[in-house]
Amino acid sequence: IDICGIDTMFEYLYEEYTKPHMWQLFPETHQLLDKLSERKIVMGVISNSDDRLNCILEGLEIRDHFSFVLTGYETGAEKPCLDMFKMAVQDVGCDVGDALHVGDSREKDYLPATRLGMKALLVSRVDEDGNKGIPDSAVVQSLNSVLDYIDQLPKS
């Protein structure tokens, strides 16, 4: 095994995956973020990603929508650790019960968010067995459904 070759390949891939063309947003992402921003809804990102995430979000032209980005690299914690979710709520400055977490993993997003007391939606584009135990009303196939969910929440 050529160790130098592996190191070179790793460096290349590490750098390449910082570029926006390596990532794909859901088609409705920009529209949803625009609408949420128009409503002055404070949004953030929590991710198990590394220090490249801000650069990736900027390249995808969505970073400006978020008031904070918390990464596992930065915090030393990773989802499903509740510390990530607690830090997000603290950054927003709201009560846990007023926060909504939208994610695509039952284990790393939905379950820890609800365990903490947050509202949560699971984005699942296909009907999966992994959604067992999650109310149908908390599973959405499209990000467009996030607005419908928010509109149904009691106004405070």
N, C-alpha and C. Protein backbone atom coordinates (compact mmCIF):
# COMPACT_ATOMS: atom_id res chain seq x y z
N ILE A 1 0.85 -1.18 0.00
CA ILE A 1 0.00 0.00 0.00
C ILE A 1 0.89 1.24 0.00
N ASP A 2 0.59 2.13 -0.90
CA ASP A 2 1.34 3.38 -1.02
C ASP A 2 0.74 4.41 -0.06
N ILE A 3 1.36 4.58 1.10
CA ILE A 3 0.86 5.49 2.13
C ILE A 3 0.83 6.93 1.61
N CYS A 4 1.83 7.33 0.87
CA CYS A 4 1.86 8.70 0.32
C CYS A 4 0.68 8.91 -0.61
N GLY A 5 0.36 7.89 -1.39
CA GLY A 5 -0.78 7.99 -2.31
C GLY A 5 -2.09 8.12 -1.57
N ILE A 6 -2.23 7.39 -0.46
CA ILE A 6 -3.44 7.47 0.34
C ILE A 6 -3.56 8.85 0.96
N ASP A 7 -2.46 9.38 1.47
CA ASP A 7 -2.48 10.73 2.06
C ASP A 7 -2.87 11.77 1.03
N THR A 8 -2.33 11.64 -0.16
CA THR A 8 -2.64 12.58 -1.24
C THR A 8 -4.11 12.48 -1.62
N MET A 9 -4.62 11.25 -1.72
CA MET A 9 -6.02 11.06 -2.07
C MET A 9 -6.92 11.63 -0.96
N PHE A 10 -6.57 11.40 0.30
CA PHE A 10 -7.35 11.95 1.41
C PHE A 10 -7.40 13.47 1.34
N GLU A 11 -6.24 14.09 1.14
CA GLU A 11 -6.19 15.56 1.05
C GLU A 11 -7.04 16.07 -0.09
N TYR A 12 -6.97 15.38 -1.24
CA TYR A 12 -7.77 15.78 -2.40
C TYR A 12 -9.27 15.68 -2.07
N LEU A 13 -9.69 14.54 -1.53
CA LEU A 13 -11.11 14.35 -1.23
C LEU A 13 -11.58 15.30 -0.13
N TYR A 14 -10.76 15.52 0.87
CA TYR A 14 -11.11 16.45 1.95
C TYR A 14 -11.38 17.83 1.38
N GLU A 15 -10.50 18.29 0.51
CA GLU A 15 -10.67 19.60 -0.12
C GLU A 15 -11.85 19.61 -1.09
N GLU A 16 -12.00 18.55 -1.85
CA GLU A 16 -13.07 18.47 -2.85
C GLU A 16 -14.45 18.53 -2.19
N TYR A 17 -14.59 17.88 -1.04
CA TYR A 17 -15.89 17.86 -0.37
C TYR A 17 -16.19 19.14 0.40
N THR A 18 -15.34 20.14 0.25
CA THR A 18 -15.64 21.48 0.75
C THR A 18 -16.37 22.28 -0.32
N LYS A 19 -16.31 21.83 -1.54
CA LYS A 19 -16.88 22.56 -2.68
C LYS A 19 -18.38 22.28 -2.80
N PRO A 20 -19.14 23.32 -3.13
CA PRO A 20 -20.60 23.17 -3.16
C PRO A 20 -21.11 22.17 -4.20
N HIS A 21 -20.38 21.97 -5.29
CA HIS A 21 -20.89 21.04 -6.31
C HIS A 21 -20.90 19.59 -5.84
N MET A 22 -20.26 19.32 -4.71
CA MET A 22 -20.24 17.97 -4.16
C MET A 22 -21.47 17.68 -3.29
N TRP A 23 -22.27 18.70 -3.06
CA TRP A 23 -23.42 18.57 -2.18
C TRP A 23 -24.69 18.90 -2.94
N GLN A 24 -25.78 18.29 -2.54
CA GLN A 24 -27.05 18.53 -3.21
C GLN A 24 -28.12 18.85 -2.17
N LEU A 25 -28.75 20.00 -2.34
CA LEU A 25 -29.86 20.40 -1.47
C LEU A 25 -31.15 19.80 -1.99
N PHE A 26 -32.12 19.63 -1.12
CA PHE A 26 -33.45 19.28 -1.59
C PHE A 26 -33.92 20.41 -2.49
N PRO A 27 -34.69 20.12 -3.54
CA PRO A 27 -35.10 21.17 -4.49
C PRO A 27 -35.81 22.35 -3.83
N GLU A 28 -36.54 22.11 -2.76
CA GLU A 28 -37.33 23.18 -2.13
C GLU A 28 -36.58 23.92 -1.02
N THR A 29 -35.31 23.64 -0.82
CA THR A 29 -34.55 24.21 0.30
C THR A 29 -34.52 25.74 0.27
N HIS A 30 -34.11 26.32 -0.85
CA HIS A 30 -34.00 27.78 -0.92
C HIS A 30 -35.34 28.46 -0.68
N GLN A 31 -36.38 27.91 -1.25
CA GLN A 31 -37.71 28.51 -1.09
C GLN A 31 -38.14 28.47 0.38
N LEU A 32 -37.94 27.34 1.04
CA LEU A 32 -38.31 27.23 2.45
C LEU A 32 -37.51 28.20 3.31
N LEU A 33 -36.20 28.22 3.12
CA LEU A 33 -35.36 29.11 3.93
C LEU A 33 -35.73 30.57 3.71
N ASP A 34 -36.04 30.94 2.47
CA ASP A 34 -36.47 32.32 2.19
C ASP A 34 -37.75 32.65 2.95
N LYS A 35 -38.71 31.74 2.92
CA LYS A 35 -39.99 31.99 3.59
C LYS A 35 -39.82 32.06 5.11
N LEU A 36 -39.01 31.18 5.67
CA LEU A 36 -38.77 31.21 7.11
C LEU A 36 -38.04 32.49 7.52
N SER A 37 -37.09 32.91 6.69
CA SER A 37 -36.37 34.15 6.97
C SER A 37 -37.30 35.35 6.89
N GLU A 38 -38.21 35.36 5.91
CA GLU A 38 -39.19 36.45 5.79
C GLU A 38 -40.04 36.55 7.05
N ARG A 39 -40.32 35.42 7.67
CA ARG A 39 -41.12 35.39 8.89
C ARG A 39 -40.28 35.69 10.14
N LYS A 40 -39.01 35.97 9.93
CA LYS A 40 -38.09 36.29 11.04
C LYS A 40 -37.94 35.13 12.02
N ILE A 41 -38.04 33.90 11.51
CA ILE A 41 -37.84 32.72 12.35
C ILE A 41 -36.33 32.49 12.48
N VAL A 42 -35.87 32.40 13.71
CA VAL A 42 -34.45 32.20 13.97
C VAL A 42 -34.11 30.74 13.67
N MET A 43 -33.10 30.56 12.84
CA MET A 43 -32.71 29.21 12.43
C MET A 43 -31.23 28.98 12.67
N GLY A 44 -30.90 27.73 12.91
CA GLY A 44 -29.52 27.34 13.09
C GLY A 44 -29.30 25.94 12.55
N VAL A 45 -28.07 25.53 12.55
CA VAL A 45 -27.69 24.19 12.08
C VAL A 45 -26.93 23.50 13.19
N ILE A 46 -27.30 22.25 13.46
CA ILE A 46 -26.46 21.40 14.29
C ILE A 46 -26.10 20.18 13.45
N SER A 47 -24.83 19.87 13.43
CA SER A 47 -24.34 18.82 12.54
C SER A 47 -23.15 18.11 13.16
N ASN A 48 -23.01 16.86 12.82
CA ASN A 48 -21.84 16.09 13.24
C ASN A 48 -20.66 16.35 12.30
N SER A 49 -20.77 17.34 11.48
CA SER A 49 -19.75 17.66 10.48
C SER A 49 -18.51 18.26 11.12
N ASP A 50 -17.56 18.58 10.26
CA ASP A 50 -16.31 19.18 10.73
C ASP A 50 -16.28 20.67 10.41
N ASP A 51 -15.12 21.27 10.50
CA ASP A 51 -14.98 22.72 10.36
C ASP A 51 -15.21 23.25 8.95
N ARG A 52 -15.47 22.38 7.98
CA ARG A 52 -15.75 22.82 6.61
C ARG A 52 -17.19 23.25 6.41
N LEU A 53 -18.07 22.96 7.36
CA LEU A 53 -19.50 23.15 7.14
C LEU A 53 -19.87 24.58 6.79
N ASN A 54 -19.33 25.56 7.50
CA ASN A 54 -19.66 26.96 7.17
C ASN A 54 -19.32 27.28 5.73
N CYS A 55 -18.16 26.83 5.28
CA CYS A 55 -17.74 27.07 3.90
C CYS A 55 -18.70 26.40 2.91
N ILE A 56 -19.12 25.19 3.24
CA ILE A 56 -20.06 24.47 2.37
C ILE A 56 -21.39 25.21 2.31
N LEU A 57 -21.90 25.62 3.45
CA LEU A 57 -23.17 26.34 3.48
C LEU A 57 -23.08 27.66 2.73
N GLU A 58 -21.96 28.35 2.83
CA GLU A 58 -21.75 29.58 2.06
C GLU A 58 -21.74 29.28 0.56
N GLY A 59 -21.05 28.22 0.17
CA GLY A 59 -20.99 27.84 -1.23
C GLY A 59 -22.35 27.46 -1.80
N LEU A 60 -23.20 26.89 -0.95
CA LEU A 60 -24.56 26.53 -1.36
C LEU A 60 -25.52 27.72 -1.26
N GLU A 61 -24.99 28.85 -0.83
CA GLU A 61 -25.73 30.11 -0.72
C GLU A 61 -26.90 30.02 0.25
N ILE A 62 -26.67 29.35 1.38
CA ILE A 62 -27.71 29.27 2.41
C ILE A 62 -27.21 29.68 3.79
N ARG A 63 -25.93 29.93 3.95
CA ARG A 63 -25.37 30.22 5.28
C ARG A 63 -26.01 31.44 5.93
N ASP A 64 -26.34 32.45 5.13
CA ASP A 64 -26.90 33.69 5.68
C ASP A 64 -28.26 33.50 6.36
N HIS A 65 -28.92 32.40 6.09
CA HIS A 65 -30.22 32.14 6.72
C HIS A 65 -30.09 31.72 8.18
N PHE A 66 -28.90 31.29 8.58
CA PHE A 66 -28.73 30.69 9.90
C PHE A 66 -28.00 31.64 10.85
N SER A 67 -28.54 31.77 12.05
CA SER A 67 -27.89 32.63 13.04
C SER A 67 -26.71 31.93 13.70
N PHE A 68 -26.67 30.61 13.62
CA PHE A 68 -25.54 29.86 14.18
C PHE A 68 -25.38 28.53 13.45
N VAL A 69 -24.18 28.02 13.50
CA VAL A 69 -23.86 26.68 12.99
C VAL A 69 -23.02 26.00 14.05
N LEU A 70 -23.53 24.91 14.61
CA LEU A 70 -22.80 24.13 15.61
C LEU A 70 -22.37 22.81 14.98
N THR A 71 -21.09 22.54 15.04
CA THR A 71 -20.59 21.27 14.50
C THR A 71 -20.01 20.42 15.62
N GLY A 72 -20.01 19.14 15.38
CA GLY A 72 -19.37 18.23 16.32
C GLY A 72 -17.91 18.56 16.49
N TYR A 73 -17.28 18.98 15.42
CA TYR A 73 -15.86 19.36 15.44
C TYR A 73 -15.63 20.52 16.41
N GLU A 74 -16.51 21.49 16.34
CA GLU A 74 -16.37 22.71 17.15
C GLU A 74 -16.74 22.47 18.62
N THR A 75 -17.79 21.70 18.86
CA THR A 75 -18.33 21.55 20.20
C THR A 75 -17.75 20.37 20.98
N GLY A 76 -17.20 19.41 20.26
CA GLY A 76 -16.71 18.20 20.92
C GLY A 76 -17.83 17.23 21.26
N ALA A 77 -19.03 17.53 20.82
CA ALA A 77 -20.19 16.65 21.04
C ALA A 77 -20.79 16.33 19.67
N GLU A 78 -21.45 15.21 19.57
CA GLU A 78 -22.12 14.85 18.33
C GLU A 78 -23.52 14.35 18.62
N LYS A 79 -24.42 14.62 17.67
CA LYS A 79 -25.77 14.06 17.78
C LYS A 79 -25.62 12.53 17.79
N PRO A 80 -26.32 11.84 18.61
CA PRO A 80 -27.54 12.19 19.34
C PRO A 80 -27.31 12.75 20.73
N CYS A 81 -26.11 13.14 21.07
CA CYS A 81 -25.83 13.71 22.39
C CYS A 81 -26.73 14.94 22.61
N LEU A 82 -27.43 14.94 23.72
CA LEU A 82 -28.35 16.05 24.00
C LEU A 82 -27.64 17.39 24.14
N ASP A 83 -26.35 17.36 24.44
CA ASP A 83 -25.60 18.62 24.58
C ASP A 83 -25.68 19.46 23.30
N MET A 84 -25.64 18.82 22.14
CA MET A 84 -25.74 19.57 20.88
C MET A 84 -27.06 20.33 20.80
N PHE A 85 -28.13 19.67 21.18
CA PHE A 85 -29.46 20.27 21.12
C PHE A 85 -29.60 21.38 22.17
N LYS A 86 -29.05 21.14 23.36
CA LYS A 86 -29.09 22.16 24.42
C LYS A 86 -28.33 23.42 23.98
N MET A 87 -27.17 23.23 23.35
CA MET A 87 -26.39 24.39 22.88
C MET A 87 -27.18 25.18 21.84
N ALA A 88 -27.88 24.48 20.97
CA ALA A 88 -28.66 25.16 19.93
C ALA A 88 -29.76 26.01 20.56
N VAL A 89 -30.47 25.45 21.52
CA VAL A 89 -31.54 26.19 22.19
C VAL A 89 -30.96 27.40 22.93
N GLN A 90 -29.81 27.22 23.56
CA GLN A 90 -29.17 28.35 24.24
C GLN A 90 -28.78 29.43 23.25
N ASP A 91 -28.25 29.03 22.08
CA ASP A 91 -27.85 30.02 21.07
C ASP A 91 -29.04 30.82 20.57
N VAL A 92 -30.18 30.17 20.45
CA VAL A 92 -31.38 30.86 19.98
C VAL A 92 -31.97 31.70 21.10
N GLY A 93 -31.84 31.22 22.32
CA GLY A 93 -32.37 31.96 23.46
C GLY A 93 -33.86 31.75 23.66
N CYS A 94 -34.34 30.58 23.34
CA CYS A 94 -35.77 30.29 23.53
C CYS A 94 -35.94 29.14 24.50
N ASP A 95 -37.16 28.90 24.90
CA ASP A 95 -37.47 27.75 25.73
C ASP A 95 -37.39 26.49 24.88
N VAL A 96 -36.97 25.41 25.49
CA VAL A 96 -36.83 24.14 24.76
C VAL A 96 -38.14 23.77 24.05
N GLY A 97 -39.26 23.95 24.74
CA GLY A 97 -40.55 23.58 24.17
C GLY A 97 -40.98 24.44 23.00
N ASP A 98 -40.33 25.59 22.80
CA ASP A 98 -40.66 26.47 21.67
C ASP A 98 -39.80 26.19 20.45
N ALA A 99 -38.79 25.34 20.61
CA ALA A 99 -37.86 25.05 19.51
C ALA A 99 -38.37 23.90 18.66
N LEU A 100 -38.12 24.00 17.37
CA LEU A 100 -38.46 22.94 16.42
C LEU A 100 -37.17 22.47 15.76
N HIS A 101 -36.93 21.16 15.83
CA HIS A 101 -35.76 20.57 15.17
C HIS A 101 -36.26 19.78 13.97
N VAL A 102 -35.66 20.03 12.82
CA VAL A 102 -35.99 19.30 11.59
C VAL A 102 -34.75 18.54 11.18
N GLY A 103 -34.87 17.24 11.05
CA GLY A 103 -33.72 16.42 10.69
C GLY A 103 -34.13 15.20 9.90
N ASP A 104 -33.13 14.47 9.43
CA ASP A 104 -33.42 13.31 8.58
C ASP A 104 -33.03 11.97 9.20
N SER A 105 -32.72 11.97 10.48
CA SER A 105 -32.36 10.73 11.16
C SER A 105 -33.24 10.53 12.39
N ARG A 106 -33.87 9.38 12.46
CA ARG A 106 -34.69 9.05 13.63
C ARG A 106 -33.83 9.05 14.89
N GLU A 107 -32.68 8.39 14.82
CA GLU A 107 -31.82 8.19 15.98
C GLU A 107 -31.02 9.44 16.36
N LYS A 108 -30.56 10.19 15.37
CA LYS A 108 -29.67 11.32 15.66
C LYS A 108 -30.38 12.66 15.69
N ASP A 109 -31.60 12.72 15.19
CA ASP A 109 -32.33 13.98 15.14
C ASP A 109 -33.63 13.93 15.93
N TYR A 110 -34.57 13.13 15.45
CA TYR A 110 -35.91 13.13 16.04
C TYR A 110 -35.93 12.71 17.50
N LEU A 111 -35.37 11.54 17.80
CA LEU A 111 -35.46 11.02 19.17
C LEU A 111 -34.76 11.91 20.20
N PRO A 112 -33.53 12.36 19.98
CA PRO A 112 -32.93 13.22 21.00
C PRO A 112 -33.64 14.57 21.15
N ALA A 113 -34.11 15.13 20.05
CA ALA A 113 -34.81 16.41 20.14
C ALA A 113 -36.07 16.28 20.99
N THR A 114 -36.84 15.24 20.74
CA THR A 114 -38.08 15.06 21.52
C THR A 114 -37.76 14.65 22.96
N ARG A 115 -36.69 13.90 23.15
CA ARG A 115 -36.28 13.52 24.52
C ARG A 115 -35.98 14.78 25.34
N LEU A 116 -35.42 15.79 24.71
CA LEU A 116 -35.10 17.04 25.39
C LEU A 116 -36.34 17.90 25.62
N GLY A 117 -37.39 17.65 24.84
CA GLY A 117 -38.62 18.44 24.97
C GLY A 117 -38.88 19.37 23.81
N MET A 118 -38.07 19.27 22.78
CA MET A 118 -38.27 20.08 21.58
C MET A 118 -39.37 19.48 20.72
N LYS A 119 -39.97 20.29 19.89
CA LYS A 119 -40.80 19.78 18.81
C LYS A 119 -39.83 19.26 17.74
N ALA A 120 -40.25 18.25 16.99
CA ALA A 120 -39.34 17.71 15.98
C ALA A 120 -40.11 17.17 14.80
N LEU A 121 -39.50 17.32 13.64
CA LEU A 121 -40.00 16.72 12.41
C LEU A 121 -38.90 15.87 11.82
N LEU A 122 -39.30 14.72 11.29
CA LEU A 122 -38.37 13.83 10.61
C LEU A 122 -38.63 13.91 9.12
N VAL A 123 -37.63 14.33 8.36
CA VAL A 123 -37.76 14.37 6.90
C VAL A 123 -37.41 12.98 6.38
N SER A 124 -38.39 12.35 5.77
CA SER A 124 -38.21 10.99 5.25
C SER A 124 -38.88 10.93 3.89
N ARG A 125 -38.10 10.96 2.85
CA ARG A 125 -38.63 11.03 1.48
C ARG A 125 -39.31 9.74 1.05
N VAL A 126 -39.01 8.66 1.73
CA VAL A 126 -39.65 7.38 1.42
C VAL A 126 -40.19 6.79 2.72
N ASP A 127 -41.20 5.95 2.61
CA ASP A 127 -41.77 5.30 3.79
C ASP A 127 -40.78 4.24 4.27
N GLU A 128 -40.22 4.47 5.43
CA GLU A 128 -39.17 3.59 5.93
C GLU A 128 -39.59 2.93 7.23
N ASP A 129 -39.07 1.73 7.46
CA ASP A 129 -39.30 1.05 8.72
C ASP A 129 -38.67 1.82 9.88
N GLY A 130 -37.65 2.63 9.58
CA GLY A 130 -36.96 3.41 10.61
C GLY A 130 -37.83 4.47 11.23
N ASN A 131 -39.02 4.69 10.68
CA ASN A 131 -39.93 5.70 11.22
C ASN A 131 -40.86 5.13 12.28
N LYS A 132 -40.70 3.87 12.61
CA LYS A 132 -41.58 3.23 13.59
C LYS A 132 -41.51 3.97 14.92
N GLY A 133 -42.67 4.15 15.52
CA GLY A 133 -42.74 4.82 16.81
C GLY A 133 -42.80 6.33 16.71
N ILE A 134 -42.76 6.86 15.50
CA ILE A 134 -42.84 8.30 15.31
C ILE A 134 -44.24 8.62 14.77
N PRO A 135 -44.94 9.55 15.39
CA PRO A 135 -46.28 9.87 14.89
C PRO A 135 -46.25 10.31 13.43
N ASP A 136 -47.25 9.90 12.67
CA ASP A 136 -47.32 10.28 11.25
C ASP A 136 -47.25 11.79 11.07
N SER A 137 -47.80 12.54 12.02
CA SER A 137 -47.81 14.00 11.91
C SER A 137 -46.41 14.59 12.07
N ALA A 138 -45.45 13.80 12.54
CA ALA A 138 -44.08 14.28 12.73
C ALA A 138 -43.15 13.82 11.62
N VAL A 139 -43.68 13.12 10.62
CA VAL A 139 -42.87 12.65 9.50
C VAL A 139 -43.32 13.41 8.25
N VAL A 140 -42.37 14.09 7.60
CA VAL A 140 -42.68 14.84 6.39
C VAL A 140 -41.82 14.33 5.24
N GLN A 141 -42.40 14.33 4.06
CA GLN A 141 -41.66 13.88 2.88
C GLN A 141 -41.02 15.05 2.15
N SER A 142 -41.45 16.25 2.45
CA SER A 142 -40.94 17.43 1.76
C SER A 142 -40.70 18.54 2.78
N LEU A 143 -39.68 19.34 2.53
CA LEU A 143 -39.43 20.49 3.40
C LEU A 143 -40.58 21.49 3.35
N ASN A 144 -41.36 21.46 2.26
CA ASN A 144 -42.51 22.35 2.17
C ASN A 144 -43.49 22.11 3.31
N SER A 145 -43.53 20.90 3.84
CA SER A 145 -44.43 20.56 4.94
C SER A 145 -44.02 21.22 6.25
N VAL A 146 -42.79 21.69 6.34
CA VAL A 146 -42.33 22.36 7.56
C VAL A 146 -43.16 23.62 7.80
N LEU A 147 -43.42 24.38 6.75
CA LEU A 147 -44.25 25.58 6.89
C LEU A 147 -45.66 25.23 7.33
N ASP A 148 -46.23 24.17 6.77
CA ASP A 148 -47.57 23.74 7.17
C ASP A 148 -47.58 23.39 8.65
N TYR A 149 -46.54 22.70 9.11
CA TYR A 149 -46.44 22.33 10.52
C TYR A 149 -46.37 23.58 11.39
N ILE A 150 -45.52 24.52 11.03
CA ILE A 150 -45.37 25.76 11.80
C ILE A 150 -46.69 26.52 11.84
N ASP A 151 -47.39 26.56 10.71
CA ASP A 151 -48.65 27.30 10.66
C ASP A 151 -49.71 26.69 11.57
N GLN A 152 -49.60 25.41 11.87
CA GLN A 152 -50.58 24.73 12.74
C GLN A 152 -50.25 24.86 14.23
N LEU A 153 -49.07 25.36 14.55
CA LEU A 153 -48.70 25.52 15.95
C LEU A 153 -49.51 26.65 16.59
N PRO A 154 -49.83 26.50 17.87
CA PRO A 154 -50.55 27.59 18.56
C PRO A 154 -49.67 28.84 18.58
N LYS A 155 -50.29 29.97 18.36
CA LYS A 155 -49.57 31.25 18.38
C LYS A 155 -49.36 31.67 19.82
N SER A 156 -48.12 32.10 20.13
CA SER A 156 -47.87 32.52 21.51
C SER A 156 -47.72 34.02 21.61
